Amino acid sequence: MISIIDYDMGNLHSVQKALAWVGGEPQIIRDPEQVAAAQKLVLPGVGAFADAMESLRSRDLVEPIKEHIAAGRPFLGICLGLQLLFDVSYEDGQYSGLGVIGGQVCRFDFANQRQAQKLKIPHMGWNSLRIEKDVPIYSDVPDGSYVYFVHSYYVKPTDETVVATTTEHGQPFASSIARDNVFATQFHPEKSQRVGLQILKNFARL
């Protein structure tokens, strides 16, 4: 059973449908008690960092999420769900995150990169993954596979060993991270067709 956290910030039903397709037996949950009891957690997210953290706090979900991770149970963050794991975001100000992974969330800035100035922000559409280390969720996913992105901000981990894949958009950036039982992607596996379904299938099998 995989539990998807509903905190009014994610495209829940597309994630649920994709996980069901790969046999993940997904359920949508909202309560702290359900998070505390979950075997596997997925934190999706679309929208603003500050609003998302406020939503998690107002629902008393912050500590249950951190306790789930600390207990060694599998966790998957998607898009904003990746960014929320970090210490701080500079999206429209400065806001504290969950602090599970050390580092920052920063906006793409190509002002001083002449060759990249024509690139669009947000980074939207298909782009390729460079797999940087052996990670269970990338089993049977070829290096160079294309996945779907929609984001203006990217993560900068303090410890580069957590970077699982990188992607090029004006500069290389961490397009996913992995540390022990924690996995998180900047891209949307639920929108990434065969490759994304393989990633979700691998997570369901953990």
C-alpha atoms as a PDB file:
ATOM      1  CA  MET A   1       0.000   0.000   0.000  1.00  0.00           C
ATOM      2  CA  ILE A   2       1.300   3.439  -0.999  1.00  0.00           C
ATOM      3  CA  SER A   3      -0.141   6.532   0.684  1.00  0.00           C
ATOM      4  CA  ILE A   4      -0.319   9.833  -1.218  1.00  0.00           C
ATOM      5  CA  ILE A   5      -0.492  12.922   0.995  1.00  0.00           C
ATOM      6  CA  ASP A   6      -3.300  15.337   0.169  1.00  0.00           C
ATOM      7  CA  TYR A   7      -2.439  18.837   1.398  1.00  0.00           C
ATOM      8  CA  ASP A   8      -4.253  20.740  -1.361  1.00  0.00           C
ATOM      9  CA  MET A   9      -1.059  21.322  -3.361  1.00  0.00           C
ATOM     10  CA  GLY A  10      -0.730  18.345  -5.679  1.00  0.00           C
ATOM     11  CA  ASN A  11      -2.110  16.692  -8.774  1.00  0.00           C
ATOM     12  CA  LEU A  12      -3.207  13.746  -6.674  1.00  0.00           C
ATOM     13  CA  HIS A  13      -5.355  11.801  -9.058  1.00  0.00           C
ATOM     14  CA  SER A  14      -2.815  11.523 -11.873  1.00  0.00           C
ATOM     15  CA  VAL A  15      -0.269  10.239  -9.331  1.00  0.00           C
ATOM     16  CA  GLN A  16      -2.845   7.849  -7.894  1.00  0.00           C
ATOM     17  CA  LYS A  17      -3.815   6.581 -11.344  1.00  0.00           C
ATOM     18  CA  ALA A  18      -0.185   5.999 -12.366  1.00  0.00           C
ATOM     19  CA  LEU A  19       0.608   4.138  -9.146  1.00  0.00           C
ATOM     20  CA  ALA A  20      -2.504   2.010  -9.550  1.00  0.00           C
ATOM     21  CA  TRP A  21      -1.418   1.185 -13.102  1.00  0.00           C
ATOM     22  CA  VAL A  22       1.879  -0.262 -11.829  1.00  0.00           C
ATOM     23  CA  GLY A  23       0.226  -2.196  -8.992  1.00  0.00           C
ATOM     24  CA  GLY A  24       1.096   0.152  -6.152  1.00  0.00           C
ATOM     25  CA  GLU A  25      -2.312  -0.007  -4.419  1.00  0.00           C
ATOM     26  CA  PRO A  26      -2.398   3.747  -3.759  1.00  0.00           C
ATOM     27  CA  GLN A  27      -4.613   5.561  -1.299  1.00  0.00           C
ATOM     28  CA  ILE A  28      -5.017   9.302  -0.691  1.00  0.00           C
ATOM     29  CA  ILE A  29      -4.609  10.386   2.942  1.00  0.00           C
ATOM     30  CA  ARG A  30      -4.976  13.694   4.794  1.00  0.00           C
ATOM     31  CA  ASP A  31      -4.638  13.026   8.525  1.00  0.00           C
ATOM     32  CA  PRO A  32      -1.476  12.899  10.688  1.00  0.00           C
ATOM     33  CA  GLU A  33      -2.508   9.502  12.037  1.00  0.00           C
ATOM     34  CA  GLN A  34      -2.702   8.102   8.512  1.00  0.00           C
ATOM     35  CA  VAL A  35       0.737   9.488   7.672  1.00  0.00           C
ATOM     36  CA  ALA A  36       2.159   7.964  10.852  1.00  0.00           C
ATOM     37  CA  ALA A  37       0.739   4.547   9.901  1.00  0.00           C
ATOM     38  CA  ALA A  38       1.778   4.600   6.236  1.00  0.00           C
ATOM     39  CA  GLN A  39       4.062   1.924   4.820  1.00  0.00           C
ATOM     40  CA  LYS A  40       5.215   4.103   1.910  1.00  0.00           C
ATOM     41  CA  LEU A  41       4.620   7.812   1.428  1.00  0.00           C
ATOM     42  CA  VAL A  42       4.375   9.975  -1.680  1.00  0.00           C
ATOM     43  CA  LEU A  43       4.448  13.768  -1.350  1.00  0.00           C
ATOM     44  CA  PRO A  44       3.411  15.349  -4.660  1.00  0.00           C
ATOM     45  CA  GLY A  45       3.137  19.082  -5.143  1.00  0.00           C
ATOM     46  CA  VAL A  46       2.352  21.896  -7.538  1.00  0.00           C
ATOM     47  CA  GLY A  47       2.433  25.544  -6.514  1.00  0.00           C
ATOM     48  CA  ALA A  48       4.297  27.871  -4.166  1.00  0.00           C
ATOM     49  CA  PHE A  49       6.778  26.641  -1.562  1.00  0.00           C
ATOM     50  CA  ALA A  50       5.555  28.918   1.247  1.00  0.00           C
ATOM     51  CA  ASP A  51       1.918  27.961   0.726  1.00  0.00           C
ATOM     52  CA  ALA A  52       2.832  24.290   0.716  1.00  0.00           C
ATOM     53  CA  MET A  53       4.748  24.493   4.003  1.00  0.00           C
ATOM     54  CA  GLU A  54       1.908  26.439   5.595  1.00  0.00           C
ATOM     55  CA  SER A  55      -0.542  23.784   4.432  1.00  0.00           C
ATOM     56  CA  LEU A  56       1.591  20.984   5.879  1.00  0.00           C
ATOM     57  CA  ARG A  57       1.944  22.824   9.199  1.00  0.00           C
ATOM     58  CA  SER A  58      -1.749  23.683   9.480  1.00  0.00           C
ATOM     59  CA  ARG A  59      -2.619  20.007   9.022  1.00  0.00           C
ATOM     60  CA  ASP A  60       0.007  18.861  11.568  1.00  0.00           C
ATOM     61  CA  LEU A  61       1.719  16.796   8.882  1.00  0.00           C
ATOM     62  CA  VAL A  62       5.314  18.016   9.241  1.00  0.00           C
ATOM     63  CA  GLU A  63       6.370  15.822  12.172  1.00  0.00           C
ATOM     64  CA  PRO A  64       4.634  12.641  10.916  1.00  0.00           C
ATOM     65  CA  ILE A  65       6.397  13.026   7.553  1.00  0.00           C
ATOM     66  CA  LYS A  66       9.785  13.517   9.205  1.00  0.00           C
ATOM     67  CA  GLU A  67       9.157  10.593  11.566  1.00  0.00           C
ATOM     68  CA  HIS A  68       8.218   8.353   8.631  1.00  0.00           C
ATOM     69  CA  ILE A  69      11.507   9.205   6.934  1.00  0.00           C
ATOM     70  CA  ALA A  70      13.535   8.811  10.140  1.00  0.00           C
ATOM     71  CA  ALA A  71      11.993   5.365  10.650  1.00  0.00           C
ATOM     72  CA  GLY A  72      13.482   4.220   7.336  1.00  0.00           C
ATOM     73  CA  ARG A  73      10.206   3.722   5.482  1.00  0.00           C
ATOM     74  CA  PRO A  74      10.184   4.505   1.737  1.00  0.00           C
ATOM     75  CA  PHE A  75       9.389   8.088   0.751  1.00  0.00           C
ATOM     76  CA  LEU A  76       8.957   9.653  -2.687  1.00  0.00           C
ATOM     77  CA  GLY A  77       8.716  13.407  -3.296  1.00  0.00           C
ATOM     78  CA  ILE A  78       7.530  14.737  -6.651  1.00  0.00           C
ATOM     79  CA  CYS A  79       8.285  18.243  -8.016  1.00  0.00           C
ATOM     80  CA  LEU A  80       7.389  20.614  -5.141  1.00  0.00           C
ATOM     81  CA  GLY A  81       7.533  17.499  -2.948  1.00  0.00           C
ATOM     82  CA  LEU A  82      11.271  17.367  -3.710  1.00  0.00           C
ATOM     83  CA  GLN A  83      11.843  21.027  -2.909  1.00  0.00           C
ATOM     84  CA  LEU A  84      10.003  20.854   0.424  1.00  0.00           C
ATOM     85  CA  LEU A  85      12.582  18.353   1.717  1.00  0.00           C
ATOM     86  CA  PHE A  86      15.284  21.045   1.728  1.00  0.00           C
ATOM     87  CA  ASP A  87      16.347  23.543   4.392  1.00  0.00           C
ATOM     88  CA  VAL A  88      15.306  26.753   2.691  1.00  0.00           C
ATOM     89  CA  SER A  89      13.626  28.112  -0.432  1.00  0.00           C
ATOM     90  CA  TYR A  90      14.132  31.548  -1.974  1.00  0.00           C
ATOM     91  CA  GLU A  91      10.832  31.524  -3.850  1.00  0.00           C
ATOM     92  CA  ASP A  92       9.306  35.007  -3.377  1.00  0.00           C
ATOM     93  CA  GLY A  93      11.229  35.489  -0.127  1.00  0.00           C
ATOM     94  CA  GLN A  94      13.013  33.111   2.222  1.00  0.00           C
ATOM     95  CA  TYR A  95      11.122  30.196   3.747  1.00  0.00           C
ATOM     96  CA  SER A  96      12.140  27.190   5.819  1.00  0.00           C
ATOM     97  CA  GLY A  97      11.406  23.708   4.502  1.00  0.00           C
ATOM     98  CA  LEU A  98      11.289  20.305   6.151  1.00  0.00           C
ATOM     99  CA  GLY A  99      15.061  20.246   6.615  1.00  0.00           C
ATOM    100  CA  VAL A 100      15.393  16.566   5.720  1.00  0.00           C
ATOM    101  CA  ILE A 101      18.014  17.277   3.048  1.00  0.00           C
ATOM    102  CA  GLY A 102      20.575  20.040   3.482  1.00  0.00           C
ATOM    103  CA  GLY A 103      20.548  22.725   0.830  1.00  0.00           C
ATOM    104  CA  GLN A 104      18.597  25.437  -0.942  1.00  0.00           C
ATOM    105  CA  VAL A 105      15.856  25.900  -3.509  1.00  0.00           C
ATOM    106  CA  CYS A 106      16.810  28.610  -6.020  1.00  0.00           C
ATOM    107  CA  ARG A 107      15.329  30.135  -9.163  1.00  0.00           C
ATOM    108  CA  PHE A 108      16.903  29.606 -12.550  1.00  0.00           C
ATOM    109  CA  ASP A 109      18.806  32.746 -13.495  1.00  0.00           C
ATOM    110  CA  PHE A 110      20.419  33.043 -16.900  1.00  0.00           C
ATOM    111  CA  ALA A 111      21.101  36.810 -16.793  1.00  0.00           C
ATOM    112  CA  ASN A 112      24.874  36.281 -16.799  1.00  0.00           C
ATOM    113  CA  GLN A 113      24.846  33.315 -19.169  1.00  0.00           C
ATOM    114  CA  ARG A 114      24.718  34.751 -22.668  1.00  0.00           C
ATOM    115  CA  GLN A 115      24.157  31.439 -24.426  1.00  0.00           C
ATOM    116  CA  ALA A 116      21.312  30.492 -22.070  1.00  0.00           C
ATOM    117  CA  GLN A 117      19.410  33.779 -22.052  1.00  0.00           C
ATOM    118  CA  LYS A 118      16.942  32.550 -24.683  1.00  0.00           C
ATOM    119  CA  LEU A 119      15.927  29.569 -22.557  1.00  0.00           C
ATOM    120  CA  LYS A 120      12.482  29.802 -21.057  1.00  0.00           C
ATOM    121  CA  ILE A 121      11.575  29.915 -17.394  1.00  0.00           C
ATOM    122  CA  PRO A 122       9.711  27.902 -16.269  1.00  0.00           C
ATOM    123  CA  HIS A 123      11.610  24.907 -17.563  1.00  0.00           C
ATOM    124  CA  MET A 124       8.679  23.105 -19.135  1.00  0.00           C
ATOM    125  CA  GLY A 125       8.475  19.981 -21.253  1.00  0.00           C
ATOM    126  CA  TRP A 126      10.623  16.941 -21.959  1.00  0.00           C
ATOM    127  CA  ASN A 127      14.281  16.758 -21.037  1.00  0.00           C
ATOM    128  CA  SER A 128      16.786  13.998 -20.443  1.00  0.00           C
ATOM    129  CA  LEU A 129      18.243  12.443 -17.311  1.00  0.00           C
ATOM    130  CA  ARG A 130      21.881  11.731 -16.651  1.00  0.00           C
ATOM    131  CA  ILE A 131      21.975   8.998 -14.035  1.00  0.00           C
ATOM    132  CA  GLU A 132      24.730   9.861 -11.551  1.00  0.00           C
ATOM    133  CA  LYS A 133      24.564   6.857  -9.237  1.00  0.00           C
ATOM    134  CA  ASP A 134      22.967   3.455  -8.822  1.00  0.00           C
ATOM    135  CA  VAL A 135      19.537   4.037  -7.292  1.00  0.00           C
ATOM    136  CA  PRO A 136      16.738   1.427  -6.952  1.00  0.00           C
ATOM    137  CA  ILE A 137      14.044   3.603  -8.527  1.00  0.00           C
ATOM    138  CA  TYR A 138      16.109   3.846 -11.741  1.00  0.00           C
ATOM    139  CA  SER A 139      16.343   0.093 -12.255  1.00  0.00           C
ATOM    140  CA  ASP A 140      15.666  -0.634 -15.962  1.00  0.00           C
ATOM    141  CA  VAL A 141      15.647   3.109 -16.740  1.00  0.00           C
ATOM    142  CA  PRO A 142      18.279   3.839 -19.421  1.00  0.00           C
ATOM    143  CA  ASP A 143      20.668   6.744 -18.994  1.00  0.00           C
ATOM    144  CA  GLY A 144      19.482   9.601 -21.197  1.00  0.00           C
ATOM    145  CA  SER A 145      15.792   8.803 -20.753  1.00  0.00           C
ATOM    146  CA  TYR A 146      13.389  11.704 -21.256  1.00  0.00           C
ATOM    147  CA  VAL A 147      10.971  12.824 -18.538  1.00  0.00           C
ATOM    148  CA  TYR A 148       8.535  15.708 -18.114  1.00  0.00           C
ATOM    149  CA  PHE A 149       9.346  18.901 -16.180  1.00  0.00           C
ATOM    150  CA  VAL A 150       7.385  21.988 -15.097  1.00  0.00           C
ATOM    151  CA  HIS A 151       9.360  24.224 -12.697  1.00  0.00           C
ATOM    152  CA  SER A 152      11.089  27.565 -12.260  1.00  0.00           C
ATOM    153  CA  TYR A 153      13.102  26.600  -9.158  1.00  0.00           C
ATOM    154  CA  TYR A 154      15.660  23.845  -8.634  1.00  0.00           C
ATOM    155  CA  VAL A 155      17.410  22.314  -5.647  1.00  0.00           C
ATOM    156  CA  LYS A 156      21.064  22.822  -4.681  1.00  0.00           C
ATOM    157  CA  PRO A 157      22.008  20.094  -2.175  1.00  0.00           C
ATOM    158  CA  THR A 158      24.806  20.820   0.296  1.00  0.00           C
ATOM    159  CA  ASP A 159      25.947  17.204  -0.020  1.00  0.00           C
ATOM    160  CA  GLU A 160      26.321  16.407  -3.709  1.00  0.00           C
ATOM    161  CA  THR A 161      26.342  12.663  -3.009  1.00  0.00           C
ATOM    162  CA  VAL A 162      22.536  12.784  -2.678  1.00  0.00           C
ATOM    163  CA  VAL A 163      22.190  13.751  -6.355  1.00  0.00           C
ATOM    164  CA  ALA A 164      20.764  10.779  -8.252  1.00  0.00           C
ATOM    165  CA  THR A 165      20.283  12.388 -11.662  1.00  0.00           C
ATOM    166  CA  THR A 166      21.181  15.654 -13.346  1.00  0.00           C
ATOM    167  CA  THR A 167      19.544  17.461 -16.247  1.00  0.00           C
ATOM    168  CA  GLU A 168      20.724  20.342 -18.412  1.00  0.00           C
ATOM    169  CA  HIS A 169      18.742  23.576 -18.630  1.00  0.00           C
ATOM    170  CA  GLY A 170      21.196  26.390 -19.138  1.00  0.00           C
ATOM    171  CA  GLN A 171      23.286  24.601 -16.513  1.00  0.00           C
ATOM    172  CA  PRO A 172      23.335  21.128 -14.994  1.00  0.00           C
ATOM    173  CA  PHE A 173      20.923  20.853 -12.065  1.00  0.00           C
ATOM    174  CA  ALA A 174      19.872  18.073  -9.703  1.00  0.00           C
ATOM    175  CA  SER A 175      16.765  16.589 -11.296  1.00  0.00           C
ATOM    176  CA  SER A 176      16.389  13.958  -8.573  1.00  0.00           C
ATOM    177  CA  ILE A 177      17.941  12.989  -5.272  1.00  0.00           C
ATOM    178  CA  ALA A 178      18.263   9.775  -3.294  1.00  0.00           C
ATOM    179  CA  ARG A 179      19.486   9.081   0.216  1.00  0.00           C
ATOM    180  CA  ASP A 180      18.753   5.799   1.980  1.00  0.00           C
ATOM    181  CA  ASN A 181      14.938   5.466   1.978  1.00  0.00           C
ATOM    182  CA  VAL A 182      14.306   8.958   0.566  1.00  0.00           C
ATOM    183  CA  PHE A 183      13.785   9.473  -3.155  1.00  0.00           C
ATOM    184  CA  ALA A 184      12.553  12.645  -4.839  1.00  0.00           C
ATOM    185  CA  THR A 185      12.245  13.894  -8.402  1.00  0.00           C
ATOM    186  CA  GLN A 186      11.983  17.410  -9.826  1.00  0.00           C
ATOM    187  CA  PHE A 187      10.230  15.939 -12.858  1.00  0.00           C
ATOM    188  CA  HIS A 188       6.784  14.355 -12.889  1.00  0.00           C
ATOM    189  CA  PRO A 189       7.014  10.562 -13.258  1.00  0.00           C
ATOM    190  CA  GLU A 190       3.219  10.357 -13.489  1.00  0.00           C
ATOM    191  CA  LYS A 191       3.428  12.468 -16.676  1.00  0.00           C
ATOM    192  CA  SER A 192       6.539  10.797 -18.095  1.00  0.00           C
ATOM    193  CA  GLN A 193       4.901   7.890 -19.885  1.00  0.00           C
ATOM    194  CA  ARG A 194       6.792   4.579 -19.975  1.00  0.00           C
ATOM    195  CA  VAL A 195       9.901   5.857 -18.185  1.00  0.00           C
ATOM    196  CA  GLY A 196       7.866   7.468 -15.417  1.00  0.00           C
ATOM    197  CA  LEU A 197       5.762   4.347 -14.933  1.00  0.00           C
ATOM    198  CA  GLN A 198       8.947   2.287 -14.596  1.00  0.00           C
ATOM    199  CA  ILE A 199      10.205   4.639 -11.892  1.00  0.00           C
ATOM    200  CA  LEU A 200       6.913   4.391  -9.988  1.00  0.00           C
ATOM    201  CA  LYS A 201       6.908   0.621 -10.430  1.00  0.00           C
ATOM    202  CA  ASN A 202      10.389   0.453  -8.944  1.00  0.00           C
ATOM    203  CA  PHE A 203       9.260   2.553  -5.978  1.00  0.00           C
ATOM    204  CA  ALA A 204       6.219   0.325  -5.461  1.00  0.00           C
ATOM    205  CA  ARG A 205       8.538  -2.697  -5.349  1.00  0.00           C
ATOM    206  CA  LEU A 206      10.817  -1.311  -2.623  1.00  0.00           C
END
